[in-house]
Amino acid sequence: MAGMHISFLESYNKNNYIFLQSYIGANYYLSFFYNSEYQRFGPYKQIGYHSVKYNNDYSNWVGYAWKNINENPYVIYNGKEIFSNQGLHTIGFINKSDWYATIIENEELENKQYYILINGIKKYGPFDFLWWSGWSEKFPVIYKGFRNNESFIINLNKMKIDGPLKNFKIDEIVISDYNRAISGLNLTDKLHYIYIDDKKLGPYDKIEQITNKNFNNDFSRYIFNVRKNDQWYIVINNSNESLEILGKSQDQLLYNDDYYYTYIINDKYYLHYHGSGGTKDLGPYDEIGNGFFRLHQKGVFFLYAISVKEQKNNKYYIVINDEYKKYGPYDWVDDPIFDEKGENWAYRVKKNNNYYIIENGVNEYGPFNDIISHHYNGDELIILYLNNRDIFITNISKK
C-alpha cells in the first residue's frame, strides 16, 4: 500500500487496520484503511492531535476536528458530526458503541475544571485534575480524579465513581481483569503507600512508577522500587522480601516466578535477572534503554534483549542473551522483539539519519525515512514504514 501523503499516523494494529491524517492543500482528512478498503472523511481545518479512537472490532470510531479554526471542535462519530464543545481534550470508547470525552472548562484560567462527558450527555465532575489510568475487560476505562485533597476513581463502564479517598492523592492505578493496585501519597503523614486489592504496603518515602509489568496476572506476585530512610529497595511480594540495592532501579519486570530489574551505581547501569534460567548480573553499561528490555520464554530458558549505550563513541548497541553477544554500533536502537517460537528476533535502529530493521543481528532491511511498527506473524516479519511521507507495508517471509 502506498501513495498517501500523511501528516500524522493515528493508529495501526497487526491486522492491517490503519487510521491516519492526510492533507490536500490547506485541508485535512481522516483516512481509514483495512487491507484494500479505503475511506476518507473531511475536509477539516484541523484534527485533534492523536484524537481518533476505535472500538475493539473497528466497527466504530470517534475523534474530534475543527471545520473552521474560529469555531468549536466537533466530535466526529463514524464520519458524522454529533457534538461540539470548546474544551474537548481527549476522547475514546467505553464499550463497542458508547464514547466519552474529557472537557476542560476555563482552560486559560488558574481555576480550570475537568469533566468527563458520556455520549455528550452524562457529565462527571468537576475535578481539579483528571488523568486516564488504564483499561481491562473488567475495568474497561478508568480515570483518576482529584478535588479538595480527595481522590476519586471513575469507572466509566460501570458509570460509577469510587471514593472519595480522603487526604490521599493517587499517583498510579494499575488494573487487570480482576485486580487493582493503587499507589499514592497520604496527605496527612506525607508518606507513600501501595494498595493491592485489600492489601496495604508501606509506608515509603517514595515509590517509583508502577505499571502492569510490575505484577503477574492475578497480582499475587509483584516487584517495585521504593525509597525508605535514604535507601533504595526492590520489594518482591511483600516487605519481608525487600532487597536492599545500592542505586535507584530504572525498570522492573515480573514474569511468573522470574523477575529482572535495572539499577544505577555511580552513574553506571546494571541489570539483575533471577529465574529459571539462573541468576545473572549484567554490566556495567553507560546506559540501558528504559523500557526496552524484552523477555521470551523458550522451554525453561528465557531470551532477553536490552539496548545499551557506550559513552566513548556515544553509540548504541543491542545485547542478546549475554553481554558478549552485542550488535552495533548504531545512532539509536530500540524496540527489540522475538517471534513466537523465540527463533528469530528483530529491532529498529537509526544510522546516517535513516531507519532500518535488523533481524537476527545479520539481515538488514531499509533504509526508511521512519519505521512506524514491526512485528512477527508466525515467523513472518511485517514492517510498516514511511518513505517520502508515503506509507508502506512489507512482509518478509522465511519460506
Foldseek 3Di string as FASTA:
>chain_A
DKDFQFDAWLDADPQGWTWTWGDDPQFIWIWIDGPPDIDIADTFNFFPDSAWEAADVRPKIWGWTHNDPPAFIFIAIRRDGDDGDNFFDHKYALHHPKIKTKGWPPVVDPQIFIWIGIPNHDIDDTFSDKAWADAEPQQGTWMWGHHPQFIWIQRVNVRDIDDGPHQWDWDHWEDYNPWIKTWTARNPVRFIWIQTHNDIADGFNDWPDDYCQQAERNRQWGWTWTHHPNWIWIDINGPVPIDTDDFGWQDKGDDPPKIKIWGADPQFIWIWTDALQHTDIDDRANDKDRPQWDWADAPSDIKIKIKTAHPVVRFIWIDIPHNVRIADGFNDKGDKDAANNRPKIWTWTHHPQFIWIDIPSHDIDDGANAWDDWDDDHNKIWTWGHHPSMIDIDIHDPD
